[in-house]
Amino acid sequence: MLITGPDGRVLLVRSSDRPRRWTLPADRLVSGETPRQTAIRGVGDRIGLIPRLGDLLVSDWTTDRGGPHAGALYIFDGGRISSAAARRIGVPGQNSSAALFTAVDELPAYAAPADVRRIDAALRARGEGRTAHLEYGRTPSTLAAMRRFGIVPGVHSGGAAWSWHEEPVPDELPIRHAWAWVFAPDGRVVVYVDDNGLIGLPGGTLEDFEHRNPAAASVREVREETQIEIADPIYLGYLHDDQPGGKAVARVRMAAAIAAIGPAAPDPATGTVHRRLLVPPRLLAELCGWGRGADRQTKAAIGTARALGITEPDPAAPVAEIPTDGTGIL
């Protein structure tokens, strides 16, 4: 449970299994308890005061220290303790035998790094009126990027239904779309985010004058949607879409390196000025909602980038926005 003093300091108690470390007041669930009941009992046992429990601030999927078993760790909001109540468990800012209050910037001197991250997430969640979801003490990269850049949750219509093929598109199969994996020199891939928080690779519908030429369509669409120039896009493959109640179509994927980046400008098709992001390629499928079925496509794109002399970045590399003036990337 997160409890803060009148001056904003965080209440910590001595760790039961690591005496030189301090943690938030906590306990393990016992049979028949809910997490809320455990929090109330655990705090009462540790500090001798019974809290009035608030909302869930943090849910963290983690592992037992030194063991193979995974499980959920919850942090509830215990609110702000009064000066009178605080005096019963120790003087704020000073150590007692079992508890202390510490300033946020001093937490690393007392708590383990993972606990510091969890406490920081709980404080931010309390301030923003939400629940923070963590995995192994950290915000998942996809969720962090969605929150930072205003990407909305959603379900991709073809995430699991489209099948990947690397051979040429059969002559009898209409080519509906061409999308491009556009690689920056550092190996990250360009995606755009529209005004509604929808995200995707740049690309779009082939026009009649493009005569089943996905390379030409991808050059045009990338320029219109992201103001980025690409040259000589390379064919990766296509997604076979058996449209319910309609005719099957091919949705082609190309790959290319950035040749030039212009200032952000309205997409002539929609009038929207898109946000342009750079994403590690192995994060792309999850961020766009394609699912694990995109693994082969991702592998093909990374292999093509490597052939272009572009090294794959760390999957944990940050998602970043291309400046509106287009500078600083090339």
C-alpha atoms as a PDB file:
ATOM      1  CA  MET A   1       0.000   0.000   0.000  1.00  0.00           C
ATOM      2  CA  LEU A   2       1.202   3.507  -0.860  1.00  0.00           C
ATOM      3  CA  ILE A   3       0.906   5.810   2.155  1.00  0.00           C
ATOM      4  CA  THR A   4       2.363   9.310   2.197  1.00  0.00           C
ATOM      5  CA  GLY A   5       2.890  11.701   5.068  1.00  0.00           C
ATOM      6  CA  PRO A   6       1.583  15.274   5.370  1.00  0.00           C
ATOM      7  CA  ASP A   7       4.731  16.528   3.604  1.00  0.00           C
ATOM      8  CA  GLY A   8       4.524  14.008   0.759  1.00  0.00           C
ATOM      9  CA  ARG A   9       7.163  11.620   2.071  1.00  0.00           C
ATOM     10  CA  VAL A  10       6.574   7.913   1.415  1.00  0.00           C
ATOM     11  CA  LEU A  11       6.046   5.443   4.260  1.00  0.00           C
ATOM     12  CA  LEU A  12       8.390   2.456   4.101  1.00  0.00           C
ATOM     13  CA  VAL A  13       8.721  -0.523   6.409  1.00  0.00           C
ATOM     14  CA  ARG A  14      11.716  -2.770   6.930  1.00  0.00           C
ATOM     15  CA  SER A  15      11.742  -5.672   4.470  1.00  0.00           C
ATOM     16  CA  SER A  16      10.907  -8.965   6.156  1.00  0.00           C
ATOM     17  CA  ASP A  17      13.255 -11.007   3.948  1.00  0.00           C
ATOM     18  CA  ARG A  18      16.020  -8.427   3.372  1.00  0.00           C
ATOM     19  CA  PRO A  19      16.548  -6.498   6.631  1.00  0.00           C
ATOM     20  CA  ARG A  20      18.812  -3.897   5.029  1.00  0.00           C
ATOM     21  CA  ARG A  21      16.101  -2.945   2.530  1.00  0.00           C
ATOM     22  CA  TRP A  22      12.817  -1.101   2.978  1.00  0.00           C
ATOM     23  CA  THR A  23       9.535  -1.631   1.133  1.00  0.00           C
ATOM     24  CA  LEU A  24       5.982  -0.387   1.052  1.00  0.00           C
ATOM     25  CA  PRO A  25       3.813  -2.027   3.742  1.00  0.00           C
ATOM     26  CA  ALA A  26       2.829  -5.357   2.174  1.00  0.00           C
ATOM     27  CA  ASP A  27       2.013  -9.000   2.742  1.00  0.00           C
ATOM     28  CA  ARG A  28       1.280 -12.153   0.783  1.00  0.00           C
ATOM     29  CA  LEU A  29      -2.221 -13.397   0.115  1.00  0.00           C
ATOM     30  CA  VAL A  30      -3.460 -16.227   2.282  1.00  0.00           C
ATOM     31  CA  SER A  31      -6.231 -18.629   1.367  1.00  0.00           C
ATOM     32  CA  GLY A  32      -9.659 -17.024   1.281  1.00  0.00           C
ATOM     33  CA  GLU A  33      -8.419 -13.402   1.086  1.00  0.00           C
ATOM     34  CA  THR A  34      -8.865 -10.896  -1.690  1.00  0.00           C
ATOM     35  CA  PRO A  35      -5.932  -8.585  -2.508  1.00  0.00           C
ATOM     36  CA  ARG A  36      -7.736  -5.715  -0.770  1.00  0.00           C
ATOM     37  CA  GLN A  37      -8.200  -7.741   2.396  1.00  0.00           C
ATOM     38  CA  THR A  38      -4.529  -8.721   2.322  1.00  0.00           C
ATOM     39  CA  ALA A  39      -3.470  -5.089   1.970  1.00  0.00           C
ATOM     40  CA  ILE A  40      -5.591  -3.993   4.916  1.00  0.00           C
ATOM     41  CA  ARG A  41      -4.371  -6.849   7.109  1.00  0.00           C
ATOM     42  CA  GLY A  42      -0.756  -6.494   6.027  1.00  0.00           C
ATOM     43  CA  VAL A  43      -0.628  -2.772   6.752  1.00  0.00           C
ATOM     44  CA  GLY A  44      -2.291  -3.277  10.107  1.00  0.00           C
ATOM     45  CA  ASP A  45       0.217  -5.958  11.028  1.00  0.00           C
ATOM     46  CA  ARG A  46       3.224  -3.876   9.954  1.00  0.00           C
ATOM     47  CA  ILE A  47       2.416  -0.406  11.334  1.00  0.00           C
ATOM     48  CA  GLY A  48      -0.314  -1.058  13.905  1.00  0.00           C
ATOM     49  CA  LEU A  49      -2.861   1.201  12.187  1.00  0.00           C
ATOM     50  CA  ILE A  50      -5.815   0.195  10.030  1.00  0.00           C
ATOM     51  CA  PRO A  51      -6.038   2.003   6.675  1.00  0.00           C
ATOM     52  CA  ARG A  52      -9.064   3.125   4.716  1.00  0.00           C
ATOM     53  CA  LEU A  53      -8.158   1.575   1.399  1.00  0.00           C
ATOM     54  CA  GLY A  54      -8.475   3.453  -1.898  1.00  0.00           C
ATOM     55  CA  ASP A  55      -8.175   2.427  -5.532  1.00  0.00           C
ATOM     56  CA  LEU A  56      -5.670   0.103  -7.131  1.00  0.00           C
ATOM     57  CA  LEU A  57      -2.676   2.159  -8.288  1.00  0.00           C
ATOM     58  CA  VAL A  58      -0.323  -0.491  -9.702  1.00  0.00           C
ATOM     59  CA  SER A  59      -0.686  -3.996 -11.079  1.00  0.00           C
ATOM     60  CA  ASP A  60       2.690  -5.622 -11.711  1.00  0.00           C
ATOM     61  CA  TRP A  61       3.221  -9.084 -13.170  1.00  0.00           C
ATOM     62  CA  THR A  62       6.460 -10.239 -11.602  1.00  0.00           C
ATOM     63  CA  THR A  63       8.402 -13.247 -10.332  1.00  0.00           C
ATOM     64  CA  ASP A  64       9.214 -14.429  -6.843  1.00  0.00           C
ATOM     65  CA  ARG A  65      12.665 -13.306  -5.804  1.00  0.00           C
ATOM     66  CA  GLY A  66      15.030 -16.179  -6.539  1.00  0.00           C
ATOM     67  CA  GLY A  67      12.267 -18.445  -7.795  1.00  0.00           C
ATOM     68  CA  PRO A  68      10.596 -19.409 -11.075  1.00  0.00           C
ATOM     69  CA  HIS A  69       7.000 -18.646 -10.121  1.00  0.00           C
ATOM     70  CA  ALA A  70       5.254 -15.604 -11.586  1.00  0.00           C
ATOM     71  CA  GLY A  71       2.376 -13.754 -10.006  1.00  0.00           C
ATOM     72  CA  ALA A  72       0.655 -10.406  -9.571  1.00  0.00           C
ATOM     73  CA  LEU A  73       1.800  -7.677  -7.214  1.00  0.00           C
ATOM     74  CA  TYR A  74      -0.733  -4.955  -6.400  1.00  0.00           C
ATOM     75  CA  ILE A  75      -0.253  -1.507  -4.869  1.00  0.00           C
ATOM     76  CA  PHE A  76      -3.358   0.131  -3.414  1.00  0.00           C
ATOM     77  CA  ASP A  77      -3.772   3.768  -2.438  1.00  0.00           C
ATOM     78  CA  GLY A  78      -3.545   4.221   1.318  1.00  0.00           C
ATOM     79  CA  GLY A  79      -3.890   7.988   1.061  1.00  0.00           C
ATOM     80  CA  ARG A  80      -2.134  10.574   3.166  1.00  0.00           C
ATOM     81  CA  ILE A  81      -1.616   9.874   6.839  1.00  0.00           C
ATOM     82  CA  SER A  82      -2.293  12.577   9.426  1.00  0.00           C
ATOM     83  CA  SER A  83       0.474  13.968  11.613  1.00  0.00           C
ATOM     84  CA  ALA A  84      -1.166  12.447  14.701  1.00  0.00           C
ATOM     85  CA  ALA A  85      -1.317   8.989  13.116  1.00  0.00           C
ATOM     86  CA  ALA A  86       2.226   9.307  11.771  1.00  0.00           C
ATOM     87  CA  ARG A  87       3.557   9.956  15.273  1.00  0.00           C
ATOM     88  CA  ARG A  88       2.286   6.543  16.301  1.00  0.00           C
ATOM     89  CA  ILE A  89       4.533   4.761  13.815  1.00  0.00           C
ATOM     90  CA  GLY A  90       7.650   6.968  13.921  1.00  0.00           C
ATOM     91  CA  VAL A  91       8.644  10.585  13.429  1.00  0.00           C
ATOM     92  CA  PRO A  92       8.455  11.694   9.762  1.00  0.00           C
ATOM     93  CA  GLY A  93      11.907  11.878   8.253  1.00  0.00           C
ATOM     94  CA  GLN A  94      13.535   9.802  10.995  1.00  0.00           C
ATOM     95  CA  ASN A  95      14.114   6.077  11.295  1.00  0.00           C
ATOM     96  CA  SER A  96      12.211   3.956  13.741  1.00  0.00           C
ATOM     97  CA  SER A  97      12.812   0.273  14.354  1.00  0.00           C
ATOM     98  CA  ALA A  98      10.176  -0.799  11.824  1.00  0.00           C
ATOM     99  CA  ALA A  99       9.116   2.184   9.687  1.00  0.00           C
ATOM    100  CA  LEU A 100      10.301   5.469   8.216  1.00  0.00           C
ATOM    101  CA  PHE A 101       9.122   8.262   5.950  1.00  0.00           C
ATOM    102  CA  THR A 102      11.432   9.227   3.108  1.00  0.00           C
ATOM    103  CA  ALA A 103      11.456  11.806   0.355  1.00  0.00           C
ATOM    104  CA  VAL A 104      10.862  10.489  -3.153  1.00  0.00           C
ATOM    105  CA  ASP A 105      14.349  11.459  -4.330  1.00  0.00           C
ATOM    106  CA  GLU A 106      15.855   9.514  -1.420  1.00  0.00           C
ATOM    107  CA  LEU A 107      14.026   6.260  -2.159  1.00  0.00           C
ATOM    108  CA  PRO A 108      17.017   4.639  -3.959  1.00  0.00           C
ATOM    109  CA  ALA A 109      18.987   4.782  -0.697  1.00  0.00           C
ATOM    110  CA  TYR A 110      16.445   2.536   1.015  1.00  0.00           C
ATOM    111  CA  ALA A 111      14.449   0.477  -1.503  1.00  0.00           C
ATOM    112  CA  ALA A 112      15.453  -1.967  -4.224  1.00  0.00           C
ATOM    113  CA  PRO A 113      15.484  -0.513  -7.773  1.00  0.00           C
ATOM    114  CA  ALA A 114      12.364  -2.446  -8.838  1.00  0.00           C
ATOM    115  CA  ASP A 115      10.503  -1.177  -5.777  1.00  0.00           C
ATOM    116  CA  VAL A 116      11.589   2.396  -6.515  1.00  0.00           C
ATOM    117  CA  ARG A 117      10.129   2.064 -10.019  1.00  0.00           C
ATOM    118  CA  ARG A 118       6.890   0.651  -8.624  1.00  0.00           C
ATOM    119  CA  ILE A 119       6.573   3.452  -6.063  1.00  0.00           C
ATOM    120  CA  ASP A 120       7.228   6.058  -8.750  1.00  0.00           C
ATOM    121  CA  ALA A 121       4.532   4.444 -10.937  1.00  0.00           C
ATOM    122  CA  ALA A 122       2.109   4.419  -7.983  1.00  0.00           C
ATOM    123  CA  LEU A 123       2.697   8.105  -7.236  1.00  0.00           C
ATOM    124  CA  ARG A 124       2.163   9.053 -10.878  1.00  0.00           C
ATOM    125  CA  ALA A 125      -0.952   6.867 -11.099  1.00  0.00           C
ATOM    126  CA  ARG A 126      -2.368   8.505  -7.979  1.00  0.00           C
ATOM    127  CA  GLY A 127      -1.735  11.960  -9.448  1.00  0.00           C
ATOM    128  CA  GLU A 128      -3.318  11.036 -12.787  1.00  0.00           C
ATOM    129  CA  GLY A 129      -6.288   9.148 -11.344  1.00  0.00           C
ATOM    130  CA  ARG A 130      -5.569   5.852 -13.101  1.00  0.00           C
ATOM    131  CA  THR A 131      -4.069   2.395 -12.608  1.00  0.00           C
ATOM    132  CA  ALA A 132      -0.547   1.683 -13.896  1.00  0.00           C
ATOM    133  CA  HIS A 133       0.048  -1.728 -15.431  1.00  0.00           C
ATOM    134  CA  LEU A 134       3.634  -2.977 -15.115  1.00  0.00           C
ATOM    135  CA  GLU A 135       5.425  -6.160 -16.113  1.00  0.00           C
ATOM    136  CA  TYR A 136       8.468  -7.111 -14.041  1.00  0.00           C
ATOM    137  CA  GLY A 137       8.548  -3.657 -12.496  1.00  0.00           C
ATOM    138  CA  ARG A 138       8.446  -1.699 -15.761  1.00  0.00           C
ATOM    139  CA  THR A 139       5.781  -0.252 -18.033  1.00  0.00           C
ATOM    140  CA  PRO A 140       5.592  -2.446 -21.180  1.00  0.00           C
ATOM    141  CA  SER A 141       7.182  -0.638 -24.125  1.00  0.00           C
ATOM    142  CA  THR A 142       3.992  -0.770 -26.195  1.00  0.00           C
ATOM    143  CA  LEU A 143       1.853   0.679 -23.424  1.00  0.00           C
ATOM    144  CA  ALA A 144       4.401   3.419 -22.708  1.00  0.00           C
ATOM    145  CA  ALA A 145       4.459   4.420 -26.381  1.00  0.00           C
ATOM    146  CA  MET A 146       0.652   4.401 -26.632  1.00  0.00           C
ATOM    147  CA  ARG A 147       0.337   6.634 -23.589  1.00  0.00           C
ATOM    148  CA  ARG A 148       3.083   9.031 -24.675  1.00  0.00           C
ATOM    149  CA  PHE A 149       1.934   9.500 -28.260  1.00  0.00           C
ATOM    150  CA  GLY A 150      -1.843   9.270 -27.858  1.00  0.00           C
ATOM    151  CA  ILE A 151      -2.272   5.904 -29.596  1.00  0.00           C
ATOM    152  CA  VAL A 152      -5.675   4.428 -28.783  1.00  0.00           C
ATOM    153  CA  PRO A 153      -6.410   0.758 -28.005  1.00  0.00           C
ATOM    154  CA  GLY A 154      -8.104  -1.162 -30.776  1.00  0.00           C
ATOM    155  CA  VAL A 155      -8.528  -4.478 -32.552  1.00  0.00           C
ATOM    156  CA  HIS A 156      -6.964  -4.962 -35.990  1.00  0.00           C
ATOM    157  CA  SER A 157      -9.422  -6.438 -38.478  1.00  0.00           C
ATOM    158  CA  GLY A 158      -6.776  -8.603 -40.133  1.00  0.00           C
ATOM    159  CA  GLY A 159      -4.430  -9.275 -37.254  1.00  0.00           C
ATOM    160  CA  ALA A 160      -4.984 -13.030 -37.255  1.00  0.00           C
ATOM    161  CA  ALA A 161      -7.046 -13.505 -40.427  1.00  0.00           C
ATOM    162  CA  TRP A 162      -4.498 -12.436 -43.046  1.00  0.00           C
ATOM    163  CA  SER A 163      -1.923 -15.001 -44.174  1.00  0.00           C
ATOM    164  CA  TRP A 164       1.632 -14.030 -45.166  1.00  0.00           C
ATOM    165  CA  HIS A 165       3.173 -15.038 -48.520  1.00  0.00           C
ATOM    166  CA  GLU A 166       6.601 -14.096 -49.867  1.00  0.00           C
ATOM    167  CA  GLU A 167       6.124 -15.250 -53.461  1.00  0.00           C
ATOM    168  CA  PRO A 168       4.868 -12.763 -56.114  1.00  0.00           C
ATOM    169  CA  VAL A 169       1.196 -11.877 -56.009  1.00  0.00           C
ATOM    170  CA  PRO A 170      -0.748 -14.234 -58.323  1.00  0.00           C
ATOM    171  CA  ASP A 171      -2.038 -12.496 -61.447  1.00  0.00           C
ATOM    172  CA  GLU A 172      -5.629 -13.357 -60.607  1.00  0.00           C
ATOM    173  CA  LEU A 173      -5.469 -11.781 -57.126  1.00  0.00           C
ATOM    174  CA  PRO A 174      -6.263  -8.030 -57.040  1.00  0.00           C
ATOM    175  CA  ILE A 175      -3.710  -5.871 -55.209  1.00  0.00           C
ATOM    176  CA  ARG A 176      -5.661  -3.583 -52.890  1.00  0.00           C
ATOM    177  CA  HIS A 177      -2.959  -1.900 -50.782  1.00  0.00           C
ATOM    178  CA  ALA A 178       0.789  -1.347 -50.606  1.00  0.00           C
ATOM    179  CA  TRP A 179       2.398  -0.489 -47.261  1.00  0.00           C
ATOM    180  CA  ALA A 180       6.087   0.113 -46.613  1.00  0.00           C
ATOM    181  CA  TRP A 181       8.542  -0.697 -43.868  1.00  0.00           C
ATOM    182  CA  VAL A 182      10.579   2.521 -44.052  1.00  0.00           C
ATOM    183  CA  PHE A 183      13.859   2.229 -42.163  1.00  0.00           C
ATOM    184  CA  ALA A 184      15.779   5.077 -40.543  1.00  0.00           C
ATOM    185  CA  PRO A 185      19.595   4.795 -40.450  1.00  0.00           C
ATOM    186  CA  ASP A 186      19.428   3.547 -36.833  1.00  0.00           C
ATOM    187  CA  GLY A 187      17.173   0.630 -37.833  1.00  0.00           C
ATOM    188  CA  ARG A 188      13.904   1.927 -36.450  1.00  0.00           C
ATOM    189  CA  VAL A 189      10.808   1.916 -38.664  1.00  0.00           C
ATOM    190  CA  VAL A 190       8.526   4.830 -39.572  1.00  0.00           C
ATOM    191  CA  VAL A 191       4.869   4.675 -38.527  1.00  0.00           C
ATOM    192  CA  TYR A 192       2.285   7.417 -38.506  1.00  0.00           C
ATOM    193  CA  VAL A 193      -0.398   8.309 -35.955  1.00  0.00           C
ATOM    194  CA  ASP A 194      -3.503  10.175 -37.119  1.00  0.00           C
ATOM    195  CA  ASP A 195      -5.776  12.584 -35.256  1.00  0.00           C
ATOM    196  CA  ASN A 196      -7.893   9.688 -33.963  1.00  0.00           C
ATOM    197  CA  GLY A 197      -4.917   7.924 -32.380  1.00  0.00           C
ATOM    198  CA  LEU A 198      -4.790   5.194 -35.044  1.00  0.00           C
ATOM    199  CA  ILE A 199      -1.350   3.905 -36.011  1.00  0.00           C
ATOM    200  CA  GLY A 200       0.076   2.120 -39.015  1.00  0.00           C
ATOM    201  CA  LEU A 201       2.779   1.786 -41.600  1.00  0.00           C
ATOM    202  CA  PRO A 202       2.656   4.447 -44.307  1.00  0.00           C
ATOM    203  CA  GLY A 203       0.932   3.219 -47.436  1.00  0.00           C
ATOM    204  CA  GLY A 204      -2.482   2.911 -48.981  1.00  0.00           C
ATOM    205  CA  THR A 205      -4.684   1.969 -51.896  1.00  0.00           C
ATOM    206  CA  LEU A 206      -3.241   1.461 -55.351  1.00  0.00           C
ATOM    207  CA  GLU A 207      -4.628   3.899 -57.922  1.00  0.00           C
ATOM    208  CA  ASP A 208      -5.727   2.729 -61.365  1.00  0.00           C
ATOM    209  CA  PHE A 209      -2.855   4.549 -63.022  1.00  0.00           C
ATOM    210  CA  GLU A 210      -0.365   2.513 -60.988  1.00  0.00           C
ATOM    211  CA  HIS A 211      -1.334  -0.681 -62.826  1.00  0.00           C
ATOM    212  CA  ARG A 212      -0.638  -3.241 -60.067  1.00  0.00           C
ATOM    213  CA  ASN A 213       2.677  -1.553 -59.236  1.00  0.00           C
ATOM    214  CA  PRO A 214       2.972  -1.638 -55.416  1.00  0.00           C
ATOM    215  CA  ALA A 215       6.441  -0.050 -55.528  1.00  0.00           C
ATOM    216  CA  ALA A 216       5.082   3.075 -57.226  1.00  0.00           C
ATOM    217  CA  ALA A 217       2.111   3.184 -54.853  1.00  0.00           C
ATOM    218  CA  SER A 218       4.300   2.877 -51.767  1.00  0.00           C
ATOM    219  CA  VAL A 219       6.600   5.716 -52.917  1.00  0.00           C
ATOM    220  CA  ARG A 220       3.574   7.959 -53.469  1.00  0.00           C
ATOM    221  CA  GLU A 221       1.750   7.015 -50.272  1.00  0.00           C
ATOM    222  CA  VAL A 222       4.837   7.326 -48.048  1.00  0.00           C
ATOM    223  CA  ARG A 223       5.445  10.817 -49.466  1.00  0.00           C
ATOM    224  CA  GLU A 224       1.810  11.896 -48.997  1.00  0.00           C
ATOM    225  CA  GLU A 225       1.346  10.508 -45.487  1.00  0.00           C
ATOM    226  CA  THR A 226       4.746  11.180 -43.920  1.00  0.00           C
ATOM    227  CA  GLN A 227       6.571  13.614 -46.266  1.00  0.00           C
ATOM    228  CA  ILE A 228       9.393  11.064 -46.482  1.00  0.00           C
ATOM    229  CA  GLU A 229      11.089  10.141 -49.726  1.00  0.00           C
ATOM    230  CA  ILE A 230      12.099   6.552 -50.428  1.00  0.00           C
ATOM    231  CA  ALA A 231      13.871   5.152 -53.450  1.00  0.00           C
ATOM    232  CA  ASP A 232      13.717   1.693 -55.002  1.00  0.00           C
ATOM    233  CA  PRO A 233      11.440  -0.047 -52.455  1.00  0.00           C
ATOM    234  CA  ILE A 234      11.995  -3.787 -52.218  1.00  0.00           C
ATOM    235  CA  TYR A 235       9.146  -6.281 -52.361  1.00  0.00           C
ATOM    236  CA  LEU A 236       8.761  -8.323 -49.150  1.00  0.00           C
ATOM    237  CA  GLY A 237       5.558 -10.255 -49.754  1.00  0.00           C
ATOM    238  CA  TYR A 238       1.827  -9.910 -49.444  1.00  0.00           C
ATOM    239  CA  LEU A 239      -0.976 -10.573 -46.991  1.00  0.00           C
ATOM    240  CA  HIS A 240      -3.818 -12.656 -48.402  1.00  0.00           C
ATOM    241  CA  ASP A 241      -7.121 -11.209 -47.209  1.00  0.00           C
ATOM    242  CA  ASP A 242     -10.197 -13.377 -47.725  1.00  0.00           C
ATOM    243  CA  GLN A 243     -12.696 -10.586 -47.134  1.00  0.00           C
ATOM    244  CA  PRO A 244     -15.942 -11.816 -45.540  1.00  0.00           C
ATOM    245  CA  GLY A 245     -18.675 -11.513 -48.146  1.00  0.00           C
ATOM    246  CA  GLY A 246     -16.257 -10.102 -50.708  1.00  0.00           C
ATOM    247  CA  LYS A 247     -13.484 -10.963 -53.124  1.00  0.00           C
ATOM    248  CA  ALA A 248     -10.049 -11.925 -51.805  1.00  0.00           C
ATOM    249  CA  VAL A 249      -7.346  -9.270 -52.223  1.00  0.00           C
ATOM    250  CA  ALA A 250      -3.595  -8.924 -51.685  1.00  0.00           C
ATOM    251  CA  ARG A 251      -2.138  -6.326 -49.329  1.00  0.00           C
ATOM    252  CA  VAL A 252       1.514  -5.900 -50.290  1.00  0.00           C
ATOM    253  CA  ARG A 253       4.427  -5.036 -48.017  1.00  0.00           C
ATOM    254  CA  MET A 254       7.529  -3.251 -49.302  1.00  0.00           C
ATOM    255  CA  ALA A 255      10.734  -2.146 -47.547  1.00  0.00           C
ATOM    256  CA  ALA A 256      13.027   0.817 -48.153  1.00  0.00           C
ATOM    257  CA  ALA A 257      15.497   3.158 -46.503  1.00  0.00           C
ATOM    258  CA  ILE A 258      14.724   6.828 -45.914  1.00  0.00           C
ATOM    259  CA  ALA A 259      16.204   8.997 -48.648  1.00  0.00           C
ATOM    260  CA  ALA A 260      14.953  12.374 -47.397  1.00  0.00           C
ATOM    261  CA  ILE A 261      12.573  13.795 -44.779  1.00  0.00           C
ATOM    262  CA  GLY A 262      10.520  16.923 -45.310  1.00  0.00           C
ATOM    263  CA  PRO A 263       8.617  19.079 -42.806  1.00  0.00           C
ATOM    264  CA  ALA A 264       5.326  17.632 -41.563  1.00  0.00           C
ATOM    265  CA  ALA A 265       2.447  18.618 -43.856  1.00  0.00           C
ATOM    266  CA  PRO A 266      -1.197  17.670 -44.428  1.00  0.00           C
ATOM    267  CA  ASP A 267      -1.933  14.366 -46.117  1.00  0.00           C
ATOM    268  CA  PRO A 268      -3.636  15.405 -49.391  1.00  0.00           C
ATOM    269  CA  ALA A 269      -6.143  12.547 -49.019  1.00  0.00           C
ATOM    270  CA  THR A 270      -7.363  13.500 -45.531  1.00  0.00           C
ATOM    271  CA  GLY A 271      -5.952  16.922 -44.643  1.00  0.00           C
ATOM    272  CA  THR A 272      -4.410  15.406 -41.516  1.00  0.00           C
ATOM    273  CA  VAL A 273      -0.907  16.256 -40.363  1.00  0.00           C
ATOM    274  CA  HIS A 274       0.251  12.915 -39.015  1.00  0.00           C
ATOM    275  CA  ARG A 275       2.657  12.365 -36.156  1.00  0.00           C
ATOM    276  CA  ARG A 276       5.662  10.450 -37.486  1.00  0.00           C
ATOM    277  CA  LEU A 277       7.211   7.952 -35.088  1.00  0.00           C
ATOM    278  CA  LEU A 278      10.285   5.732 -35.192  1.00  0.00           C
ATOM    279  CA  VAL A 279       9.657   2.267 -33.713  1.00  0.00           C
ATOM    280  CA  PRO A 280      12.004  -0.725 -33.146  1.00  0.00           C
ATOM    281  CA  PRO A 281      10.931  -3.262 -35.793  1.00  0.00           C
ATOM    282  CA  ARG A 282      10.268  -6.066 -33.305  1.00  0.00           C
ATOM    283  CA  LEU A 283       7.852  -3.801 -31.414  1.00  0.00           C
ATOM    284  CA  LEU A 284       5.886  -2.892 -34.518  1.00  0.00           C
ATOM    285  CA  ALA A 285       3.544  -5.885 -34.701  1.00  0.00           C
ATOM    286  CA  GLU A 286       2.346  -5.486 -31.125  1.00  0.00           C
ATOM    287  CA  LEU A 287       2.028  -1.719 -31.388  1.00  0.00           C
ATOM    288  CA  CYS A 288      -0.007  -1.968 -34.590  1.00  0.00           C
ATOM    289  CA  GLY A 289      -2.079  -4.898 -33.310  1.00  0.00           C
ATOM    290  CA  TRP A 290      -1.019  -7.443 -35.918  1.00  0.00           C
ATOM    291  CA  GLY A 291      -0.399 -10.291 -33.491  1.00  0.00           C
ATOM    292  CA  ARG A 292       2.171 -13.052 -33.561  1.00  0.00           C
ATOM    293  CA  GLY A 293       1.172 -13.976 -37.109  1.00  0.00           C
ATOM    294  CA  ALA A 294       3.349 -11.059 -38.242  1.00  0.00           C
ATOM    295  CA  ASP A 295       6.581 -12.741 -37.099  1.00  0.00           C
ATOM    296  CA  ARG A 296       7.525 -13.914 -40.602  1.00  0.00           C
ATOM    297  CA  GLN A 297       6.821 -10.512 -42.100  1.00  0.00           C
ATOM    298  CA  THR A 298       8.939  -8.841 -39.410  1.00  0.00           C
ATOM    299  CA  LYS A 299      11.790 -11.267 -40.057  1.00  0.00           C
ATOM    300  CA  ALA A 300      11.619 -10.558 -43.801  1.00  0.00           C
ATOM    301  CA  ALA A 301      11.692  -6.794 -43.226  1.00  0.00           C
ATOM    302  CA  ILE A 302      14.658  -6.983 -40.839  1.00  0.00           C
ATOM    303  CA  GLY A 303      16.525  -9.207 -43.296  1.00  0.00           C
ATOM    304  CA  THR A 304      15.939  -6.738 -46.117  1.00  0.00           C
ATOM    305  CA  ALA A 305      17.117  -3.850 -43.961  1.00  0.00           C
ATOM    306  CA  ARG A 306      20.262  -5.789 -43.173  1.00  0.00           C
ATOM    307  CA  ALA A 307      20.874  -6.246 -46.908  1.00  0.00           C
ATOM    308  CA  LEU A 308      20.581  -2.456 -47.224  1.00  0.00           C
ATOM    309  CA  GLY A 309      23.329  -2.066 -44.616  1.00  0.00           C
ATOM    310  CA  ILE A 310      20.955  -1.146 -41.769  1.00  0.00           C
ATOM    311  CA  THR A 311      21.549  -2.849 -38.421  1.00  0.00           C
ATOM    312  CA  GLU A 312      18.605  -3.949 -36.298  1.00  0.00           C
ATOM    313  CA  PRO A 313      18.302  -1.872 -33.109  1.00  0.00           C
ATOM    314  CA  ASP A 314      17.718  -3.190 -29.614  1.00  0.00           C
ATOM    315  CA  PRO A 315      14.004  -4.126 -29.293  1.00  0.00           C
ATOM    316  CA  ALA A 316      14.010  -1.992 -26.120  1.00  0.00           C
ATOM    317  CA  ALA A 317      15.183   1.099 -28.022  1.00  0.00           C
ATOM    318  CA  PRO A 318      12.836   4.036 -27.397  1.00  0.00           C
ATOM    319  CA  VAL A 319       9.939   4.984 -29.621  1.00  0.00           C
ATOM    320  CA  ALA A 320      10.641   8.552 -30.724  1.00  0.00           C
ATOM    321  CA  GLU A 321       8.909  11.194 -32.806  1.00  0.00           C
ATOM    322  CA  ILE A 322      10.428  12.663 -35.951  1.00  0.00           C
ATOM    323  CA  PRO A 323      10.677  16.448 -35.440  1.00  0.00           C
ATOM    324  CA  THR A 324       8.061  18.447 -37.364  1.00  0.00           C
ATOM    325  CA  ASP A 325      10.812  20.082 -39.417  1.00  0.00           C
ATOM    326  CA  GLY A 326      12.194  16.666 -40.377  1.00  0.00           C
ATOM    327  CA  THR A 327      15.694  17.328 -39.102  1.00  0.00           C
ATOM    328  CA  GLY A 328      17.953  15.269 -36.827  1.00  0.00           C
ATOM    329  CA  ILE A 329      17.217  11.812 -38.290  1.00  0.00           C
ATOM    330  CA  LEU A 330      19.493  11.534 -41.336  1.00  0.00           C
END
